[in-house]
PDB file of N, CA and C in Angstrom:
ATOM      1  N   MET A   1      89.195  97.162 112.697  1.00  0.00           N
ATOM      2  CA  MET A   1      89.967  98.167 113.400  1.00  0.00           C
ATOM      3  C   MET A   1      89.142  99.440 113.494  1.00  0.00           C
ATOM      4  N   ASN A   2      89.032  99.985 114.667  1.00  0.00           N
ATOM      5  CA  ASN A   2      88.262 101.201 114.898  1.00  0.00           C
ATOM      6  C   ASN A   2      89.226 102.345 115.194  1.00  0.00           C
ATOM      7  N   MET A   3      89.459 103.190 114.205  1.00  0.00           N
ATOM      8  CA  MET A   3      90.398 104.297 114.374  1.00  0.00           C
ATOM      9  C   MET A   3      89.733 105.432 115.137  1.00  0.00           C
ATOM     10  N   LYS A   4      90.424 105.953 116.135  1.00  0.00           N
ATOM     11  CA  LYS A   4      89.843 107.062 116.873  1.00  0.00           C
ATOM     12  C   LYS A   4      90.315 108.408 116.345  1.00  0.00           C
ATOM     13  N   TYR A   5      91.279 108.390 115.422  1.00  0.00           N
ATOM     14  CA  TYR A   5      91.767 109.628 114.827  1.00  0.00           C
ATOM     15  C   TYR A   5      91.447 109.613 113.340  1.00  0.00           C
ATOM     16  N   ASN A   6      90.887 110.691 112.857  1.00  0.00           N
ATOM     17  CA  ASN A   6      90.528 110.764 111.440  1.00  0.00           C
ATOM     18  C   ASN A   6      91.705 111.156 110.561  1.00  0.00           C
ATOM     19  N   ASN A   7      92.639 111.915 111.115  1.00  0.00           N
ATOM     20  CA  ASN A   7      93.811 112.312 110.350  1.00  0.00           C
ATOM     21  C   ASN A   7      94.968 112.611 111.297  1.00  0.00           C
ATOM     22  N   TYR A   8      96.096 112.887 110.722  1.00  0.00           N
ATOM     23  CA  TYR A   8      97.320 113.126 111.477  1.00  0.00           C
ATOM     24  C   TYR A   8      97.165 114.260 112.494  1.00  0.00           C
ATOM     25  N   ASP A   9      96.487 115.321 112.107  1.00  0.00           N
ATOM     26  CA  ASP A   9      96.331 116.489 112.990  1.00  0.00           C
ATOM     27  C   ASP A   9      95.474 116.203 114.216  1.00  0.00           C
ATOM     28  N   ASP A  10      94.645 115.168 114.167  1.00  0.00           N
ATOM     29  CA  ASP A  10      93.814 114.801 115.312  1.00  0.00           C
ATOM     30  C   ASP A  10      94.602 114.054 116.388  1.00  0.00           C
ATOM     31  N   MET A  11      95.752 113.511 116.011  1.00  0.00           N
ATOM     32  CA  MET A  11      96.540 112.719 116.958  1.00  0.00           C
ATOM     33  C   MET A  11      97.180 113.607 118.028  1.00  0.00           C
ATOM     34  N   PRO A  12      97.320 113.070 119.244  1.00  0.00           N
ATOM     35  CA  PRO A  12      97.997 113.834 120.300  1.00  0.00           C
ATOM     36  C   PRO A  12      99.500 113.903 120.030  1.00  0.00           C
ATOM     37  N   MET A  13     100.199 114.756 120.751  1.00  0.00           N
ATOM     38  CA  MET A  13     101.635 114.939 120.579  1.00  0.00           C
ATOM     39  C   MET A  13     102.401 113.640 120.847  1.00  0.00           C
ATOM     40  N   PHE A  14     101.949 112.863 121.838  1.00  0.00           N
ATOM     41  CA  PHE A  14     102.547 111.571 122.160  1.00  0.00           C
ATOM     42  C   PHE A  14     101.512 110.474 121.967  1.00  0.00           C
ATOM     43  N   LEU A  15     101.887 109.436 121.234  1.00  0.00           N
ATOM     44  CA  LEU A  15     100.994 108.308 120.970  1.00  0.00           C
ATOM     45  C   LEU A  15     101.329 107.160 121.904  1.00  0.00           C
ATOM     46  N   SER A  16     100.316 106.474 122.360  1.00  0.00           N
ATOM     47  CA  SER A  16     100.547 105.262 123.145  1.00  0.00           C
ATOM     48  C   SER A  16     100.957 104.145 122.190  1.00  0.00           C
ATOM     49  N   ILE A  17     101.514 103.085 122.736  1.00  0.00           N
ATOM     50  CA  ILE A  17     101.868 101.927 121.919  1.00  0.00           C
ATOM     51  C   ILE A  17     100.615 101.363 121.244  1.00  0.00           C
ATOM     52  N   LYS A  18      99.500 101.375 121.940  1.00  0.00           N
ATOM     53  CA  LYS A  18      98.235 100.902 121.355  1.00  0.00           C
ATOM     54  C   LYS A  18      97.822 101.768 120.170  1.00  0.00           C
ATOM     55  N   ASP A  19      97.964 103.097 120.311  1.00  0.00           N
ATOM     56  CA  ASP A  19      97.640 103.992 119.196  1.00  0.00           C
ATOM     57  C   ASP A  19      98.502 103.680 117.975  1.00  0.00           C
ATOM     58  N   VAL A  20      99.792 103.453 118.205  1.00  0.00           N
ATOM     59  CA  VAL A  20     100.703 103.127 117.102  1.00  0.00           C
ATOM     60  C   VAL A  20     100.285 101.807 116.456  1.00  0.00           C
ATOM     61  N   ALA A  21      99.991 100.805 117.283  1.00  0.00           N
ATOM     62  CA  ALA A  21      99.572  99.496 116.763  1.00  0.00           C
ATOM     63  C   ALA A  21      98.309  99.623 115.923  1.00  0.00           C
ATOM     64  N   ASP A  22      97.334 100.374 116.413  1.00  0.00           N
ATOM     65  CA  ASP A  22      96.094 100.579 115.666  1.00  0.00           C
ATOM     66  C   ASP A  22      96.343 101.316 114.357  1.00  0.00           C
ATOM     67  N   THR A  23      97.247 102.279 114.376  1.00  0.00           N
ATOM     68  CA  THR A  23      97.531 103.086 113.195  1.00  0.00           C
ATOM     69  C   THR A  23      98.167 102.267 112.086  1.00  0.00           C
ATOM     70  N   VAL A  24      99.111 101.401 112.442  1.00  0.00           N
ATOM     71  CA  VAL A  24      99.823 100.640 111.416  1.00  0.00           C
ATOM     72  C   VAL A  24      99.247  99.242 111.186  1.00  0.00           C
ATOM     73  N   GLY A  25      98.284  98.848 112.015  1.00  0.00           N
ATOM     74  CA  GLY A  25      97.633  97.560 111.825  1.00  0.00           C
ATOM     75  C   GLY A  25      98.439  96.371 112.317  1.00  0.00           C
ATOM     76  N   LEU A  26      99.250  96.577 113.332  1.00  0.00           N
ATOM     77  CA  LEU A  26     100.026  95.497 113.941  1.00  0.00           C
ATOM     78  C   LEU A  26      99.563  95.299 115.380  1.00  0.00           C
ATOM     79  N   SER A  27     100.010  94.210 115.980  1.00  0.00           N
ATOM     80  CA  SER A  27      99.643  93.950 117.369  1.00  0.00           C
ATOM     81  C   SER A  27     100.470  94.829 118.310  1.00  0.00           C
ATOM     82  N   ILE A  28      99.961  95.009 119.503  1.00  0.00           N
ATOM     83  CA  ILE A  28     100.677  95.784 120.521  1.00  0.00           C
ATOM     84  C   ILE A  28     102.011  95.120 120.833  1.00  0.00           C
ATOM     85  N   SER A  29     102.016  93.791 120.955  1.00  0.00           N
ATOM     86  CA  SER A  29     103.268  93.109 121.274  1.00  0.00           C
ATOM     87  C   SER A  29     104.296  93.273 120.152  1.00  0.00           C
ATOM     88  N   ARG A  30     103.849  93.312 118.901  1.00  0.00           N
ATOM     89  CA  ARG A  30     104.783  93.523 117.783  1.00  0.00           C
ATOM     90  C   ARG A  30     105.385  94.925 117.841  1.00  0.00           C
ATOM     91  N   ILE A  31     104.593  95.918 118.207  1.00  0.00           N
ATOM     92  CA  ILE A  31     105.127  97.280 118.323  1.00  0.00           C
ATOM     93  C   ILE A  31     106.145  97.350 119.462  1.00  0.00           C
ATOM     94  N   TYR A  32     105.871  96.673 120.589  1.00  0.00           N
ATOM     95  CA  TYR A  32     106.871  96.614 121.663  1.00  0.00           C
ATOM     96  C   TYR A  32     108.151  95.942 121.175  1.00  0.00           C
ATOM     97  N   ASP A  33     108.023  94.890 120.366  1.00  0.00           N
ATOM     98  CA  ASP A  33     109.205  94.233 119.793  1.00  0.00           C
ATOM     99  C   ASP A  33     110.002  95.208 118.933  1.00  0.00           C
ATOM    100  N   ILE A  34     109.315  95.928 118.072  1.00  0.00           N
ATOM    101  CA  ILE A  34     109.975  96.902 117.204  1.00  0.00           C
ATOM    102  C   ILE A  34     110.653  97.979 118.046  1.00  0.00           C
ATOM    103  N   ALA A  35     109.960  98.459 119.061  1.00  0.00           N
ATOM    104  CA  ALA A  35     110.508  99.519 119.923  1.00  0.00           C
ATOM    105  C   ALA A  35     111.774  99.063 120.646  1.00  0.00           C
ATOM    106  N   SER A  36     111.847  97.773 120.977  1.00  0.00           N
ATOM    107  CA  SER A  36     113.015  97.297 121.716  1.00  0.00           C
ATOM    108  C   SER A  36     114.156  96.847 120.806  1.00  0.00           C
ATOM    109  N   THR A  37     113.884  96.563 119.535  1.00  0.00           N
ATOM    110  CA  THR A  37     114.944  96.067 118.655  1.00  0.00           C
ATOM    111  C   THR A  37     115.387  97.053 117.582  1.00  0.00           C
ATOM    112  N   ASP A  38     114.509  97.936 117.157  1.00  0.00           N
ATOM    113  CA  ASP A  38     114.835  98.900 116.100  1.00  0.00           C
ATOM    114  C   ASP A  38     115.278 100.207 116.749  1.00  0.00           C
ATOM    115  N   LYS A  39     116.574 100.465 116.698  1.00  0.00           N
ATOM    116  CA  LYS A  39     117.126 101.667 117.353  1.00  0.00           C
ATOM    117  C   LYS A  39     116.606 102.956 116.727  1.00  0.00           C
ATOM    118  N   SER A  40     116.104 102.894 115.507  1.00  0.00           N
ATOM    119  CA  SER A  40     115.602 104.108 114.866  1.00  0.00           C
ATOM    120  C   SER A  40     114.146 104.408 115.223  1.00  0.00           C
ATOM    121  N   PHE A  41     113.467 103.443 115.874  1.00  0.00           N
ATOM    122  CA  PHE A  41     112.067 103.659 116.242  1.00  0.00           C
ATOM    123  C   PHE A  41     111.987 104.704 117.354  1.00  0.00           C
ATOM    124  N   PRO A  42     111.152 105.735 117.179  1.00  0.00           N
ATOM    125  CA  PRO A  42     111.131 106.870 118.114  1.00  0.00           C
ATOM    126  C   PRO A  42     110.294 106.615 119.369  1.00  0.00           C
ATOM    127  N   CYS A  43     110.824 105.856 120.284  1.00  0.00           N
ATOM    128  CA  CYS A  43     110.102 105.537 121.517  1.00  0.00           C
ATOM    129  C   CYS A  43     110.747 106.272 122.693  1.00  0.00           C
ATOM    130  N   VAL A  44     109.907 106.862 123.531  1.00  0.00           N
ATOM    131  CA  VAL A  44     110.365 107.602 124.707  1.00  0.00           C
ATOM    132  C   VAL A  44     109.778 106.937 125.945  1.00  0.00           C
ATOM    133  N   VAL A  45     110.601 106.739 126.957  1.00  0.00           N
ATOM    134  CA  VAL A  45     110.128 106.150 128.201  1.00  0.00           C
ATOM    135  C   VAL A  45     109.813 107.277 129.185  1.00  0.00           C
ATOM    136  N   LEU A  46     108.571 107.305 129.625  1.00  0.00           N
ATOM    137  CA  LEU A  46     108.118 108.277 130.625  1.00  0.00           C
ATOM    138  C   LEU A  46     107.683 107.491 131.855  1.00  0.00           C
ATOM    139  N   GLY A  47     108.552 107.426 132.842  1.00  0.00           N
ATOM    140  CA  GLY A  47     108.265 106.598 134.002  1.00  0.00           C
ATOM    141  C   GLY A  47     108.283 105.140 133.586  1.00  0.00           C
ATOM    142  N   ARG A  48     107.167 104.444 133.757  1.00  0.00           N
ATOM    143  CA  ARG A  48     107.049 103.038 133.345  1.00  0.00           C
ATOM    144  C   ARG A  48     106.336 102.899 132.006  1.00  0.00           C
ATOM    145  N   ARG A  49     106.035 104.002 131.380  1.00  0.00           N
ATOM    146  CA  ARG A  49     105.248 104.000 130.152  1.00  0.00           C
ATOM    147  C   ARG A  49     106.099 104.337 128.942  1.00  0.00           C
ATOM    148  N   LYS A  50     105.847 103.667 127.835  1.00  0.00           N
ATOM    149  CA  LYS A  50     106.511 103.990 126.574  1.00  0.00           C
ATOM    150  C   LYS A  50     105.521 104.747 125.704  1.00  0.00           C
ATOM    151  N   VAL A  51     105.981 105.865 125.158  1.00  0.00           N
ATOM    152  CA  VAL A  51     105.160 106.663 124.251  1.00  0.00           C
ATOM    153  C   VAL A  51     105.985 106.980 123.008  1.00  0.00           C
ATOM    154  N   VAL A  52     105.282 107.370 121.954  1.00  0.00           N
ATOM    155  CA  VAL A  52     105.934 107.661 120.681  1.00  0.00           C
ATOM    156  C   VAL A  52     105.556 109.076 120.257  1.00  0.00           C
ATOM    157  N   PRO A  53     106.553 109.954 120.105  1.00  0.00           N
ATOM    158  CA  PRO A  53     106.248 111.316 119.641  1.00  0.00           C
ATOM    159  C   PRO A  53     105.639 111.277 118.236  1.00  0.00           C
ATOM    160  N   ARG A  54     104.523 111.928 118.073  1.00  0.00           N
ATOM    161  CA  ARG A  54     103.761 111.901 116.818  1.00  0.00           C
ATOM    162  C   ARG A  54     104.609 112.304 115.612  1.00  0.00           C
ATOM    163  N   ASP A  55     105.302 113.430 115.684  1.00  0.00           N
ATOM    164  CA  ASP A  55     106.058 113.924 114.536  1.00  0.00           C
ATOM    165  C   ASP A  55     107.216 112.998 114.181  1.00  0.00           C
ATOM    166  N   GLU A  56     107.895 112.468 115.196  1.00  0.00           N
ATOM    167  CA  GLU A  56     108.991 111.536 114.946  1.00  0.00           C
ATOM    168  C   GLU A  56     108.470 110.213 114.386  1.00  0.00           C
ATOM    169  N   PHE A  57     107.289 109.799 114.819  1.00  0.00           N
ATOM    170  CA  PHE A  57     106.677 108.584 114.288  1.00  0.00           C
ATOM    171  C   PHE A  57     106.379 108.754 112.799  1.00  0.00           C
ATOM    172  N   LYS A  58     105.844 109.904 112.442  1.00  0.00           N
ATOM    173  CA  LYS A  58     105.542 110.171 111.030  1.00  0.00           C
ATOM    174  C   LYS A  58     106.830 110.146 110.205  1.00  0.00           C
ATOM    175  N   SER A  59     107.902 110.727 110.721  1.00  0.00           N
ATOM    176  CA  SER A  59     109.187 110.715 110.010  1.00  0.00           C
ATOM    177  C   SER A  59     109.745 109.299 109.899  1.00  0.00           C
ATOM    178  N   TRP A  60     109.578 108.506 110.962  1.00  0.00           N
ATOM    179  CA  TRP A  60     110.058 107.121 110.957  1.00  0.00           C
ATOM    180  C   TRP A  60     109.321 106.307 109.893  1.00  0.00           C
ATOM    181  N   ILE A  61     108.012 106.514 109.793  1.00  0.00           N
ATOM    182  CA  ILE A  61     107.218 105.823 108.777  1.00  0.00           C
ATOM    183  C   ILE A  61     107.736 106.171 107.380  1.00  0.00           C
ATOM    184  N   LYS A  62     107.963 107.458 107.135  1.00  0.00           N
ATOM    185  CA  LYS A  62     108.453 107.879 105.812  1.00  0.00           C
ATOM    186  C   LYS A  62     109.816 107.265 105.514  1.00  0.00           C
ATOM    187  N   ALA A  63     110.730 107.305 106.477  1.00  0.00           N
ATOM    188  CA  ALA A  63     112.069 106.758 106.274  1.00  0.00           C
ATOM    189  C   ALA A  63     112.041 105.237 106.114  1.00  0.00           C
ATOM    190  N   SER A  64     111.175 104.568 106.853  1.00  0.00           N
ATOM    191  CA  SER A  64     111.098 103.111 106.802  1.00  0.00           C
ATOM    192  C   SER A  64     110.434 102.601 105.531  1.00  0.00           C
ATOM    193  N   SER A  65     109.626 103.435 104.904  1.00  0.00           N
ATOM    194  CA  SER A  65     108.885 102.974 103.733  1.00  0.00           C
ATOM    195  C   SER A  65     109.573 103.341 102.423  1.00  0.00           C
ATOM    196  N   LYS A  66     110.748 103.937 102.473  1.00  0.00           N
ATOM    197  CA  LYS A  66     111.456 104.258 101.244  1.00  0.00           C
ATOM    198  C   LYS A  66     111.836 102.968 100.531  1.00  0.00           C
ATOM    199  N   GLY A  67     111.627 102.945  99.256  1.00  0.00           N
ATOM    200  CA  GLY A  67     111.927 101.765  98.472  1.00  0.00           C
ATOM    201  C   GLY A  67     110.722 100.882  98.201  1.00  0.00           C
ATOM    202  N   PHE A  68     109.588 101.230  98.788  1.00  0.00           N
ATOM    203  CA  PHE A  68     108.377 100.445  98.534  1.00  0.00           C
ATOM    204  C   PHE A  68     107.604 101.025  97.391  1.00  0.00           C
TER     205      PHE A  68
END
């Protein structure tokens, strides 16, 4: 996996589905599955494109990982 962002602050305000997949180490199709089935996943539709707000994604990760 080749990360193009070194840390959270380097990420843009909106992440592409590919960026999210690369960040968490899952496939793009799995992230689309999560976006369509998990109502808490922070996905925004802009035209025909799905993007994920960076700050909401970080909060979702924290909330989803509680108990681990």
